[in-house]
């Protein structure tokens, strides 16, 4: 996926100056004058990557209000909040909802470029995690309901015999389910199966 910088600011001069700055770095930029305009074009299912530069205060829905309601709508897109009227409370609220960085205007160009570099790296890290999550989800979808029950019991630390008692199965049947689970997940141990299961909790 291409890393794109999405700039959302009602000030045209800010949008133009940032677009020019990022063009000197050969970075692609898409600019919007309001968060609603961004939301209309950039749907959550599009799984955007790169970085979102979001003005905190704008006419209509503010950037801070949006991030408080929709912080999880673009999980692969780190958000950098910008404001000309920063406050400790606003900064605290922004970071509480997962904002990657917080800038006060006027923006420091060098620091902003460094931050975007870091945001790109974070976005790529999230992409890797998302791909692993998607892969694991597809693997666990292959398990039958009974195999899923057996795996959950095994993950508690129960032995094959204990699982058999809990689920009213024979030990041999539990062993067969265990072998089928490992085969479908492509693992050779319960520890590896648990690691795969942990990937389901990515977002």
N, C-alpha and C. Protein backbone atom coordinates (compact mmCIF):
# COMPACT_ATOMS: atom_id res chain seq x y z
N UNK A 1 0.84 -1.19 0.00
CA UNK A 1 0.00 0.00 0.00
C UNK A 1 0.88 1.25 0.00
N UNK A 2 0.44 2.28 -0.74
CA UNK A 2 1.20 3.52 -0.79
C UNK A 2 0.94 4.36 0.45
N UNK A 3 2.01 4.92 1.02
CA UNK A 3 1.86 5.83 2.14
C UNK A 3 1.44 7.21 1.62
N UNK A 4 0.30 7.70 2.09
CA UNK A 4 -0.21 9.00 1.68
C UNK A 4 -0.42 9.85 2.93
N UNK A 5 -0.10 11.14 2.83
CA UNK A 5 -0.35 12.06 3.92
C UNK A 5 -1.68 12.74 3.65
N UNK A 6 -2.63 12.55 4.55
CA UNK A 6 -3.95 13.17 4.43
C UNK A 6 -3.95 14.40 5.33
N UNK A 7 -4.11 15.56 4.73
CA UNK A 7 -4.10 16.83 5.47
C UNK A 7 -5.52 17.35 5.57
N UNK A 8 -6.00 17.55 6.80
CA UNK A 8 -7.35 18.08 7.02
C UNK A 8 -7.23 19.36 7.83
N UNK A 9 -7.47 20.49 7.16
CA UNK A 9 -7.35 21.80 7.81
C UNK A 9 -8.22 22.79 7.04
N UNK A 10 -8.97 23.62 7.74
CA UNK A 10 -9.84 24.57 7.05
C UNK A 10 -9.08 25.77 6.50
N UNK A 11 -7.82 25.91 6.87
CA UNK A 11 -6.98 27.02 6.40
C UNK A 11 -6.29 26.61 5.09
N UNK A 12 -6.68 27.27 3.99
CA UNK A 12 -6.13 26.92 2.68
C UNK A 12 -4.61 27.12 2.63
N UNK A 13 -4.12 28.16 3.31
CA UNK A 13 -2.68 28.43 3.28
C UNK A 13 -1.90 27.31 3.97
N UNK A 14 -2.47 26.74 5.02
CA UNK A 14 -1.82 25.61 5.70
C UNK A 14 -1.79 24.40 4.79
N UNK A 15 -2.90 24.13 4.14
CA UNK A 15 -2.96 22.98 3.23
C UNK A 15 -1.95 23.13 2.10
N UNK A 16 -1.87 24.32 1.54
CA UNK A 16 -0.95 24.56 0.42
C UNK A 16 0.50 24.45 0.86
N UNK A 17 0.83 25.03 2.00
CA UNK A 17 2.22 25.01 2.46
C UNK A 17 2.66 23.59 2.82
N UNK A 18 1.77 22.82 3.45
CA UNK A 18 2.11 21.45 3.80
C UNK A 18 2.23 20.58 2.56
N UNK A 19 1.34 20.79 1.61
CA UNK A 19 1.40 20.03 0.36
C UNK A 19 2.73 20.30 -0.36
N UNK A 20 3.15 21.54 -0.37
CA UNK A 20 4.43 21.88 -1.00
C UNK A 20 5.59 21.27 -0.25
N UNK A 21 5.57 21.39 1.09
CA UNK A 21 6.64 20.84 1.92
C UNK A 21 6.80 19.34 1.67
N UNK A 22 5.70 18.62 1.64
CA UNK A 22 5.78 17.17 1.48
C UNK A 22 6.16 16.78 0.05
N UNK A 23 5.82 17.63 -0.90
CA UNK A 23 6.22 17.34 -2.29
C UNK A 23 7.74 17.36 -2.44
N UNK A 24 8.42 18.17 -1.62
CA UNK A 24 9.88 18.21 -1.67
C UNK A 24 10.49 16.91 -1.17
N UNK A 25 9.69 16.12 -0.42
CA UNK A 25 10.14 14.83 0.08
C UNK A 25 9.65 13.69 -0.82
N UNK A 26 9.00 14.06 -1.95
CA UNK A 26 8.42 13.07 -2.86
C UNK A 26 7.32 12.25 -2.18
N UNK A 27 6.59 12.89 -1.27
CA UNK A 27 5.48 12.23 -0.59
C UNK A 27 4.16 12.65 -1.21
N UNK A 28 3.23 11.72 -1.35
CA UNK A 28 1.91 12.01 -1.89
C UNK A 28 1.02 12.61 -0.80
N UNK A 29 0.25 13.63 -1.21
CA UNK A 29 -0.61 14.33 -0.25
C UNK A 29 -2.02 14.47 -0.81
N UNK A 30 -3.00 14.29 0.07
CA UNK A 30 -4.40 14.58 -0.27
C UNK A 30 -4.92 15.55 0.78
N UNK A 31 -5.50 16.67 0.33
CA UNK A 31 -5.92 17.72 1.25
C UNK A 31 -7.45 17.86 1.30
N UNK A 32 -7.95 18.17 2.49
CA UNK A 32 -9.39 18.36 2.71
C UNK A 32 -9.59 19.57 3.61
N UNK A 33 -10.67 20.32 3.37
CA UNK A 33 -10.92 21.52 4.17
C UNK A 33 -11.79 21.25 5.38
N UNK A 34 -12.25 20.01 5.56
CA UNK A 34 -13.07 19.65 6.71
C UNK A 34 -13.00 18.15 6.92
N UNK A 35 -13.22 17.73 8.15
CA UNK A 35 -13.15 16.30 8.45
C UNK A 35 -14.28 15.55 7.77
N UNK A 36 -15.42 16.19 7.58
CA UNK A 36 -16.53 15.53 6.88
C UNK A 36 -16.17 15.25 5.43
N UNK A 37 -15.41 16.15 4.82
CA UNK A 37 -14.97 15.93 3.43
C UNK A 37 -14.02 14.75 3.37
N UNK A 38 -13.13 14.65 4.36
CA UNK A 38 -12.22 13.50 4.44
C UNK A 38 -13.01 12.21 4.61
N UNK A 39 -13.97 12.21 5.53
CA UNK A 39 -14.77 11.01 5.82
C UNK A 39 -15.59 10.56 4.62
N UNK A 40 -16.05 11.54 3.82
CA UNK A 40 -16.88 11.20 2.66
C UNK A 40 -16.08 10.45 1.60
N UNK A 41 -14.79 10.74 1.52
CA UNK A 41 -13.93 10.12 0.50
C UNK A 41 -13.19 8.90 1.05
N UNK A 42 -12.74 9.00 2.28
CA UNK A 42 -11.90 7.97 2.88
C UNK A 42 -12.71 7.11 3.85
N UNK A 43 -13.31 6.06 3.32
CA UNK A 43 -14.15 5.18 4.12
C UNK A 43 -13.30 4.25 4.99
N UNK A 44 -13.81 3.86 6.16
CA UNK A 44 -13.06 2.95 7.04
C UNK A 44 -12.62 1.66 6.36
N UNK A 45 -13.49 1.11 5.49
CA UNK A 45 -13.17 -0.17 4.85
C UNK A 45 -12.01 -0.06 3.85
N UNK A 46 -11.60 1.18 3.51
CA UNK A 46 -10.51 1.35 2.55
C UNK A 46 -9.15 1.06 3.18
N UNK A 47 -9.08 0.95 4.50
CA UNK A 47 -7.85 0.61 5.21
C UNK A 47 -6.69 1.50 4.78
N UNK A 48 -6.86 2.80 4.98
CA UNK A 48 -5.85 3.78 4.59
C UNK A 48 -4.54 3.56 5.35
N UNK A 49 -3.44 3.86 4.66
CA UNK A 49 -2.13 3.80 5.28
C UNK A 49 -1.41 5.12 5.04
N UNK A 50 -0.40 5.39 5.86
CA UNK A 50 0.36 6.63 5.72
C UNK A 50 0.27 7.44 6.99
N UNK A 51 -0.39 8.61 6.92
CA UNK A 51 -0.46 9.51 8.06
C UNK A 51 -1.59 10.50 7.86
N UNK A 52 -2.31 10.83 8.93
CA UNK A 52 -3.37 11.83 8.89
C UNK A 52 -2.95 13.03 9.73
N UNK A 53 -2.81 14.20 9.07
CA UNK A 53 -2.55 15.45 9.78
C UNK A 53 -3.89 16.14 9.96
N UNK A 54 -4.32 16.27 11.19
CA UNK A 54 -5.68 16.71 11.49
C UNK A 54 -5.69 17.95 12.36
N UNK A 55 -6.33 19.02 11.86
CA UNK A 55 -6.47 20.25 12.65
C UNK A 55 -7.46 20.00 13.77
N UNK A 56 -7.12 20.49 14.96
CA UNK A 56 -7.98 20.22 16.11
C UNK A 56 -9.28 21.01 16.08
N UNK A 57 -9.21 22.28 15.68
CA UNK A 57 -10.40 23.13 15.68
C UNK A 57 -10.72 23.59 14.27
N UNK A 58 -11.93 23.24 13.83
CA UNK A 58 -12.39 23.64 12.50
C UNK A 58 -13.89 23.91 12.57
N UNK A 59 -14.41 24.71 11.63
CA UNK A 59 -15.86 24.89 11.57
C UNK A 59 -16.54 23.54 11.36
N UNK A 60 -17.74 23.38 11.90
CA UNK A 60 -18.40 22.09 11.81
C UNK A 60 -17.80 21.15 12.84
N UNK A 61 -17.60 19.91 12.47
CA UNK A 61 -17.03 18.93 13.40
C UNK A 61 -15.54 19.18 13.58
N UNK A 62 -15.10 19.32 14.80
CA UNK A 62 -13.68 19.57 15.05
C UNK A 62 -12.89 18.28 14.94
N UNK A 63 -11.59 18.44 14.74
CA UNK A 63 -10.73 17.26 14.66
C UNK A 63 -10.74 16.47 15.95
N UNK A 64 -10.76 17.17 17.08
CA UNK A 64 -10.76 16.50 18.37
C UNK A 64 -12.05 15.71 18.58
N UNK A 65 -13.19 16.32 18.21
CA UNK A 65 -14.48 15.62 18.34
C UNK A 65 -14.50 14.37 17.46
N UNK A 66 -13.93 14.49 16.26
CA UNK A 66 -13.91 13.35 15.34
C UNK A 66 -13.07 12.22 15.91
N UNK A 67 -11.88 12.55 16.42
CA UNK A 67 -10.99 11.51 16.91
C UNK A 67 -11.57 10.82 18.14
N UNK A 68 -12.35 11.56 18.93
CA UNK A 68 -12.97 10.97 20.11
C UNK A 68 -14.08 9.98 19.73
N UNK A 69 -14.71 10.21 18.58
CA UNK A 69 -15.79 9.33 18.14
C UNK A 69 -15.31 8.24 17.18
N UNK A 70 -14.26 8.55 16.41
CA UNK A 70 -13.86 7.64 15.33
C UNK A 70 -12.39 7.25 15.38
N UNK A 71 -11.82 7.17 16.56
CA UNK A 71 -10.39 6.88 16.68
C UNK A 71 -10.01 5.52 16.10
N UNK A 72 -10.98 4.60 16.04
CA UNK A 72 -10.68 3.25 15.55
C UNK A 72 -11.11 3.04 14.09
N UNK A 73 -11.59 4.10 13.44
CA UNK A 73 -12.13 3.91 12.08
C UNK A 73 -11.04 3.68 11.03
N UNK A 74 -9.83 4.16 11.30
CA UNK A 74 -8.71 3.95 10.37
C UNK A 74 -7.52 3.41 11.18
N UNK A 75 -7.56 2.14 11.54
CA UNK A 75 -6.55 1.57 12.45
C UNK A 75 -5.12 1.57 11.93
N UNK A 76 -4.93 1.66 10.62
CA UNK A 76 -3.57 1.62 10.07
C UNK A 76 -3.00 3.02 9.85
N UNK A 77 -3.76 4.05 10.22
CA UNK A 77 -3.40 5.43 9.89
C UNK A 77 -3.10 6.23 11.15
N UNK A 78 -1.82 6.42 11.49
CA UNK A 78 -1.49 7.25 12.65
C UNK A 78 -1.99 8.69 12.45
N UNK A 79 -2.49 9.29 13.52
CA UNK A 79 -3.04 10.65 13.45
C UNK A 79 -2.12 11.61 14.17
N UNK A 80 -1.74 12.67 13.46
CA UNK A 80 -0.97 13.77 14.05
C UNK A 80 -1.91 14.96 14.18
N UNK A 81 -2.16 15.38 15.40
CA UNK A 81 -3.08 16.49 15.65
C UNK A 81 -2.33 17.81 15.59
N UNK A 82 -2.95 18.82 14.94
CA UNK A 82 -2.38 20.16 14.83
C UNK A 82 -3.35 21.17 15.43
N UNK A 83 -2.82 22.16 16.13
CA UNK A 83 -3.69 23.20 16.67
C UNK A 83 -2.95 24.50 16.91
N UNK A 84 -3.66 25.58 16.74
CA UNK A 84 -3.11 26.90 17.06
C UNK A 84 -3.51 27.33 18.45
N UNK A 85 -4.34 26.53 19.11
CA UNK A 85 -4.86 26.86 20.44
C UNK A 85 -4.77 25.64 21.33
N UNK A 86 -3.56 25.17 21.56
CA UNK A 86 -3.38 23.96 22.34
C UNK A 86 -3.62 24.17 23.82
N UNK A 87 -4.01 23.10 24.50
CA UNK A 87 -4.18 23.12 25.95
C UNK A 87 -3.79 21.76 26.47
N UNK A 88 -3.44 21.70 27.74
CA UNK A 88 -3.06 20.42 28.35
C UNK A 88 -4.22 19.44 28.28
N UNK A 89 -5.43 19.93 28.52
CA UNK A 89 -6.59 19.05 28.49
C UNK A 89 -6.83 18.47 27.09
N UNK A 90 -6.73 19.35 26.07
CA UNK A 90 -6.93 18.89 24.70
C UNK A 90 -5.86 17.86 24.31
N UNK A 91 -4.62 18.13 24.71
CA UNK A 91 -3.52 17.20 24.42
C UNK A 91 -3.78 15.86 25.10
N UNK A 92 -4.20 15.90 26.36
CA UNK A 92 -4.48 14.68 27.10
C UNK A 92 -5.60 13.88 26.43
N UNK A 93 -6.66 14.57 26.03
CA UNK A 93 -7.79 13.90 25.38
C UNK A 93 -7.36 13.28 24.06
N UNK A 94 -6.53 14.00 23.31
CA UNK A 94 -6.08 13.49 22.01
C UNK A 94 -5.26 12.21 22.18
N UNK A 95 -4.30 12.23 23.09
CA UNK A 95 -3.46 11.05 23.30
C UNK A 95 -4.26 9.89 23.88
N UNK A 96 -5.28 10.21 24.68
CA UNK A 96 -6.13 9.17 25.25
C UNK A 96 -6.84 8.39 24.15
N UNK A 97 -7.11 9.06 23.03
CA UNK A 97 -7.81 8.41 21.92
C UNK A 97 -6.85 7.98 20.81
N UNK A 98 -5.58 7.82 21.17
CA UNK A 98 -4.64 7.18 20.26
C UNK A 98 -3.91 8.07 19.28
N UNK A 99 -3.96 9.40 19.47
CA UNK A 99 -3.23 10.30 18.57
C UNK A 99 -1.74 10.01 18.65
N UNK A 100 -1.09 9.96 17.49
CA UNK A 100 0.33 9.60 17.43
C UNK A 100 1.23 10.72 17.92
N UNK A 101 0.89 11.96 17.55
CA UNK A 101 1.69 13.12 17.98
C UNK A 101 0.80 14.36 17.98
N UNK A 102 1.24 15.37 18.71
CA UNK A 102 0.44 16.59 18.88
C UNK A 102 1.35 17.79 18.61
N UNK A 103 0.96 18.64 17.64
CA UNK A 103 1.74 19.81 17.26
C UNK A 103 0.95 21.09 17.51
N UNK A 104 1.65 22.14 17.93
CA UNK A 104 1.04 23.47 18.00
C UNK A 104 1.58 24.29 16.83
N UNK A 105 0.71 25.14 16.28
CA UNK A 105 1.11 26.02 15.18
C UNK A 105 1.77 27.29 15.75
N UNK A 106 2.71 27.89 15.01
CA UNK A 106 3.21 27.47 13.69
C UNK A 106 4.03 26.18 13.78
N UNK A 107 3.91 25.36 12.73
CA UNK A 107 4.55 24.06 12.72
C UNK A 107 6.04 24.16 12.42
N UNK A 108 6.82 23.35 13.11
CA UNK A 108 8.26 23.25 12.85
C UNK A 108 8.43 22.25 11.71
N UNK A 109 8.87 22.72 10.54
CA UNK A 109 8.94 21.88 9.35
C UNK A 109 9.84 20.66 9.54
N UNK A 110 11.02 20.87 10.11
CA UNK A 110 11.95 19.75 10.30
C UNK A 110 11.38 18.70 11.24
N UNK A 111 10.80 19.16 12.35
CA UNK A 111 10.23 18.23 13.32
C UNK A 111 9.02 17.52 12.72
N UNK A 112 8.25 18.23 11.90
CA UNK A 112 7.08 17.62 11.27
C UNK A 112 7.51 16.52 10.30
N UNK A 113 8.53 16.79 9.50
CA UNK A 113 9.03 15.79 8.56
C UNK A 113 9.53 14.55 9.30
N UNK A 114 10.24 14.78 10.40
CA UNK A 114 10.73 13.66 11.21
C UNK A 114 9.56 12.85 11.77
N UNK A 115 8.52 13.55 12.20
CA UNK A 115 7.35 12.88 12.77
C UNK A 115 6.61 12.07 11.71
N UNK A 116 6.50 12.62 10.50
CA UNK A 116 5.84 11.89 9.42
C UNK A 116 6.63 10.62 9.08
N UNK A 117 7.95 10.71 9.07
CA UNK A 117 8.78 9.52 8.87
C UNK A 117 8.42 8.45 9.89
N UNK A 118 8.33 8.86 11.16
CA UNK A 118 8.00 7.93 12.23
C UNK A 118 6.58 7.39 12.07
N UNK A 119 5.67 8.26 11.63
CA UNK A 119 4.28 7.83 11.42
C UNK A 119 4.19 6.80 10.30
N UNK A 120 4.96 7.00 9.25
CA UNK A 120 5.00 6.02 8.15
C UNK A 120 5.48 4.66 8.67
N UNK A 121 6.53 4.69 9.50
CA UNK A 121 7.06 3.44 10.07
C UNK A 121 6.01 2.77 10.95
N UNK A 122 5.28 3.59 11.72
CA UNK A 122 4.22 3.05 12.57
C UNK A 122 3.10 2.44 11.72
N UNK A 123 2.75 3.12 10.63
CA UNK A 123 1.70 2.63 9.75
C UNK A 123 2.10 1.29 9.14
N UNK A 124 3.36 1.18 8.73
CA UNK A 124 3.84 -0.08 8.16
C UNK A 124 3.84 -1.19 9.20
N UNK A 125 4.16 -0.85 10.45
CA UNK A 125 4.11 -1.84 11.53
C UNK A 125 2.67 -2.32 11.74
N UNK A 126 1.74 -1.37 11.70
CA UNK A 126 0.33 -1.74 11.86
C UNK A 126 -0.15 -2.60 10.69
N UNK A 127 0.36 -2.30 9.49
CA UNK A 127 -0.02 -3.12 8.33
C UNK A 127 0.42 -4.56 8.51
N UNK A 128 1.64 -4.76 9.01
CA UNK A 128 2.14 -6.12 9.24
C UNK A 128 1.27 -6.84 10.26
N UNK A 129 0.92 -6.11 11.33
CA UNK A 129 0.07 -6.70 12.34
C UNK A 129 -1.30 -7.05 11.80
N UNK A 130 -1.83 -6.16 10.94
CA UNK A 130 -3.15 -6.41 10.36
C UNK A 130 -3.13 -7.63 9.43
N UNK A 131 -2.06 -7.76 8.65
CA UNK A 131 -1.95 -8.91 7.76
C UNK A 131 -1.89 -10.21 8.56
N UNK A 132 -1.14 -10.19 9.67
CA UNK A 132 -1.06 -11.37 10.53
C UNK A 132 -2.41 -11.67 11.16
N UNK A 133 -3.11 -10.62 11.57
CA UNK A 133 -4.45 -10.78 12.13
C UNK A 133 -5.40 -11.41 11.12
N UNK A 134 -5.35 -10.90 9.88
CA UNK A 134 -6.23 -11.41 8.83
C UNK A 134 -5.92 -12.87 8.50
N UNK A 135 -4.63 -13.18 8.46
CA UNK A 135 -4.21 -14.55 8.16
C UNK A 135 -4.67 -15.50 9.27
N UNK A 136 -4.46 -15.09 10.53
CA UNK A 136 -4.86 -15.94 11.65
C UNK A 136 -6.37 -16.12 11.69
N UNK A 137 -7.10 -15.06 11.40
CA UNK A 137 -8.57 -15.14 11.39
C UNK A 137 -9.05 -16.17 10.37
N UNK A 138 -8.40 -16.18 9.20
CA UNK A 138 -8.77 -17.14 8.16
C UNK A 138 -8.46 -18.57 8.60
N UNK A 139 -7.35 -18.77 9.30
CA UNK A 139 -6.98 -20.10 9.76
C UNK A 139 -7.96 -20.62 10.81
N UNK A 140 -8.30 -19.77 11.77
CA UNK A 140 -9.21 -20.20 12.84
C UNK A 140 -10.63 -20.43 12.32
N UNK A 141 -10.94 -19.81 11.20
CA UNK A 141 -12.26 -20.04 10.60
C UNK A 141 -12.38 -21.46 10.05
N UNK A 142 -11.22 -22.13 9.86
CA UNK A 142 -11.23 -23.50 9.36
C UNK A 142 -11.61 -24.51 10.44
N UNK A 143 -11.51 -24.12 11.71
CA UNK A 143 -11.80 -25.04 12.80
C UNK A 143 -13.30 -25.27 12.94
N UNK A 144 -13.66 -26.48 13.26
CA UNK A 144 -15.06 -26.77 13.56
C UNK A 144 -15.39 -26.23 14.95
N UNK A 145 -16.66 -26.20 15.28
CA UNK A 145 -17.09 -25.72 16.60
C UNK A 145 -16.49 -26.59 17.70
N UNK A 146 -16.46 -27.90 17.50
CA UNK A 146 -15.90 -28.80 18.50
C UNK A 146 -14.39 -28.61 18.64
N UNK A 147 -13.70 -28.42 17.52
CA UNK A 147 -12.25 -28.17 17.57
C UNK A 147 -11.96 -26.87 18.31
N UNK A 148 -12.80 -25.88 18.10
CA UNK A 148 -12.63 -24.60 18.79
C UNK A 148 -12.81 -24.80 20.29
N UNK A 149 -13.80 -25.59 20.68
CA UNK A 149 -14.02 -25.88 22.11
C UNK A 149 -12.81 -26.59 22.71
N UNK A 150 -12.29 -27.56 21.99
CA UNK A 150 -11.13 -28.31 22.47
C UNK A 150 -9.93 -27.39 22.63
N UNK A 151 -9.71 -26.53 21.64
CA UNK A 151 -8.57 -25.62 21.71
C UNK A 151 -8.69 -24.67 22.91
N UNK A 152 -9.86 -24.13 23.13
CA UNK A 152 -10.05 -23.22 24.26
C UNK A 152 -9.76 -23.91 25.59
N UNK A 153 -10.16 -25.17 25.70
CA UNK A 153 -9.87 -25.91 26.93
C UNK A 153 -8.37 -26.18 27.06
N UNK A 154 -7.74 -26.55 25.96
CA UNK A 154 -6.29 -26.79 25.99
C UNK A 154 -5.52 -25.52 26.37
N UNK A 155 -6.02 -24.38 25.93
CA UNK A 155 -5.36 -23.10 26.22
C UNK A 155 -5.43 -22.73 27.70
N UNK A 156 -6.31 -23.36 28.45
CA UNK A 156 -6.37 -23.11 29.89
C UNK A 156 -5.30 -23.89 30.64
N UNK A 157 -4.60 -24.76 29.91
CA UNK A 157 -3.57 -25.59 30.53
C UNK A 157 -4.03 -26.99 30.86
N UNK A 158 -5.26 -27.32 30.47
CA UNK A 158 -5.80 -28.65 30.75
C UNK A 158 -5.12 -29.70 29.89
N UNK A 159 -4.98 -30.89 30.46
CA UNK A 159 -4.41 -32.01 29.71
C UNK A 159 -5.47 -32.60 28.80
N UNK A 160 -5.05 -33.50 27.90
CA UNK A 160 -6.00 -34.16 27.02
C UNK A 160 -7.09 -34.88 27.82
N UNK A 161 -6.68 -35.54 28.91
CA UNK A 161 -7.64 -36.27 29.73
C UNK A 161 -8.63 -35.31 30.40
N UNK A 162 -8.13 -34.18 30.89
CA UNK A 162 -8.99 -33.21 31.55
C UNK A 162 -9.98 -32.59 30.56
N UNK A 163 -9.50 -32.33 29.34
CA UNK A 163 -10.39 -31.79 28.31
C UNK A 163 -11.47 -32.82 27.98
N UNK A 164 -11.08 -34.08 27.90
CA UNK A 164 -12.04 -35.15 27.59
C UNK A 164 -13.16 -35.18 28.63
N UNK A 165 -12.79 -35.03 29.91
CA UNK A 165 -13.80 -35.04 30.97
C UNK A 165 -14.71 -33.82 30.86
N UNK A 166 -14.13 -32.65 30.64
CA UNK A 166 -14.90 -31.41 30.59
C UNK A 166 -15.89 -31.40 29.43
N UNK A 167 -15.50 -32.00 28.31
CA UNK A 167 -16.34 -31.95 27.12
C UNK A 167 -17.08 -33.26 26.87
N UNK A 168 -16.97 -34.18 27.80
CA UNK A 168 -17.64 -35.48 27.68
C UNK A 168 -17.23 -36.20 26.40
N UNK A 169 -15.92 -36.26 26.18
CA UNK A 169 -15.37 -36.94 25.01
C UNK A 169 -14.38 -38.00 25.49
N UNK A 170 -13.99 -38.86 24.58
CA UNK A 170 -12.92 -39.80 24.92
C UNK A 170 -11.58 -39.11 24.74
N UNK A 171 -10.58 -39.58 25.46
CA UNK A 171 -9.24 -39.00 25.33
C UNK A 171 -8.73 -39.12 23.89
N UNK A 172 -9.03 -40.25 23.27
CA UNK A 172 -8.59 -40.47 21.89
C UNK A 172 -9.23 -39.44 20.95
N UNK A 173 -10.49 -39.11 21.20
CA UNK A 173 -11.17 -38.11 20.36
C UNK A 173 -10.52 -36.73 20.54
N UNK A 174 -10.19 -36.40 21.78
CA UNK A 174 -9.51 -35.12 22.06
C UNK A 174 -8.17 -35.08 21.34
N UNK A 175 -7.44 -36.18 21.38
CA UNK A 175 -6.15 -36.25 20.71
C UNK A 175 -6.31 -36.06 19.20
N UNK A 176 -7.37 -36.63 18.63
CA UNK A 176 -7.63 -36.48 17.19
C UNK A 176 -7.97 -35.03 16.86
N UNK A 177 -8.78 -34.41 17.71
CA UNK A 177 -9.12 -33.00 17.50
C UNK A 177 -7.86 -32.12 17.61
N UNK A 178 -7.03 -32.44 18.57
CA UNK A 178 -5.80 -31.67 18.77
C UNK A 178 -4.92 -31.75 17.53
N UNK A 179 -4.78 -32.92 16.99
CA UNK A 179 -3.97 -33.11 15.79
C UNK A 179 -4.56 -32.34 14.61
N UNK A 180 -5.88 -32.36 14.48
CA UNK A 180 -6.55 -31.64 13.39
C UNK A 180 -6.37 -30.13 13.54
N UNK A 181 -6.45 -29.66 14.79
CA UNK A 181 -6.27 -28.23 15.06
C UNK A 181 -4.88 -27.78 14.64
N UNK A 182 -3.87 -28.53 15.07
CA UNK A 182 -2.49 -28.18 14.74
C UNK A 182 -2.27 -28.18 13.23
N UNK A 183 -2.86 -29.16 12.56
CA UNK A 183 -2.71 -29.26 11.11
C UNK A 183 -3.33 -28.06 10.40
N UNK A 184 -4.54 -27.69 10.81
CA UNK A 184 -5.23 -26.58 10.16
C UNK A 184 -4.55 -25.24 10.43
N UNK A 185 -3.99 -25.10 11.64
CA UNK A 185 -3.33 -23.83 11.98
C UNK A 185 -1.89 -23.79 11.49
N UNK A 186 -1.37 -24.92 11.06
CA UNK A 186 0.01 -24.97 10.58
C UNK A 186 1.02 -24.82 11.69
N UNK A 187 0.71 -25.38 12.87
CA UNK A 187 1.61 -25.29 14.02
C UNK A 187 1.96 -26.70 14.49
N UNK A 188 2.96 -26.78 15.35
CA UNK A 188 3.39 -28.08 15.85
C UNK A 188 3.33 -28.17 17.37
N UNK A 189 2.85 -27.11 18.02
CA UNK A 189 2.76 -27.12 19.48
C UNK A 189 1.62 -26.23 19.94
N UNK A 190 1.20 -26.44 21.19
CA UNK A 190 0.13 -25.60 21.75
C UNK A 190 0.60 -24.17 21.92
N UNK A 191 1.86 -23.98 22.25
CA UNK A 191 2.41 -22.63 22.41
C UNK A 191 2.26 -21.85 21.10
N UNK A 192 2.59 -22.50 19.99
CA UNK A 192 2.45 -21.84 18.69
C UNK A 192 0.99 -21.55 18.38
N UNK A 193 0.10 -22.45 18.75
CA UNK A 193 -1.33 -22.24 18.52
C UNK A 193 -1.82 -21.03 19.32
N UNK A 194 -1.34 -20.90 20.55
CA UNK A 194 -1.73 -19.76 21.39
C UNK A 194 -1.22 -18.45 20.79
N UNK A 195 -0.01 -18.47 20.25
CA UNK A 195 0.54 -17.27 19.61
C UNK A 195 -0.31 -16.85 18.42
N UNK A 196 -0.75 -17.84 17.65
CA UNK A 196 -1.63 -17.54 16.52
C UNK A 196 -2.96 -16.97 17.02
N UNK A 197 -3.46 -17.54 18.09
CA UNK A 197 -4.74 -17.08 18.65
C UNK A 197 -4.64 -15.64 19.15
N UNK A 198 -3.49 -15.27 19.69
CA UNK A 198 -3.29 -13.91 20.19
C UNK A 198 -3.41 -12.87 19.08
N UNK A 199 -3.10 -13.27 17.85
CA UNK A 199 -3.17 -12.36 16.71
C UNK A 199 -4.60 -11.97 16.36
N UNK A 200 -5.56 -12.72 16.88
CA UNK A 200 -6.96 -12.39 16.61
C UNK A 200 -7.39 -11.11 17.33
N UNK A 201 -6.61 -10.73 18.36
CA UNK A 201 -6.95 -9.56 19.16
C UNK A 201 -6.26 -8.29 18.68
N UNK A 202 -5.82 -8.28 17.41
CA UNK A 202 -5.02 -7.14 16.92
C UNK A 202 -5.76 -5.82 17.05
N UNK A 203 -7.03 -5.74 16.63
CA UNK A 203 -7.76 -4.48 16.67
C UNK A 203 -9.06 -4.65 17.43
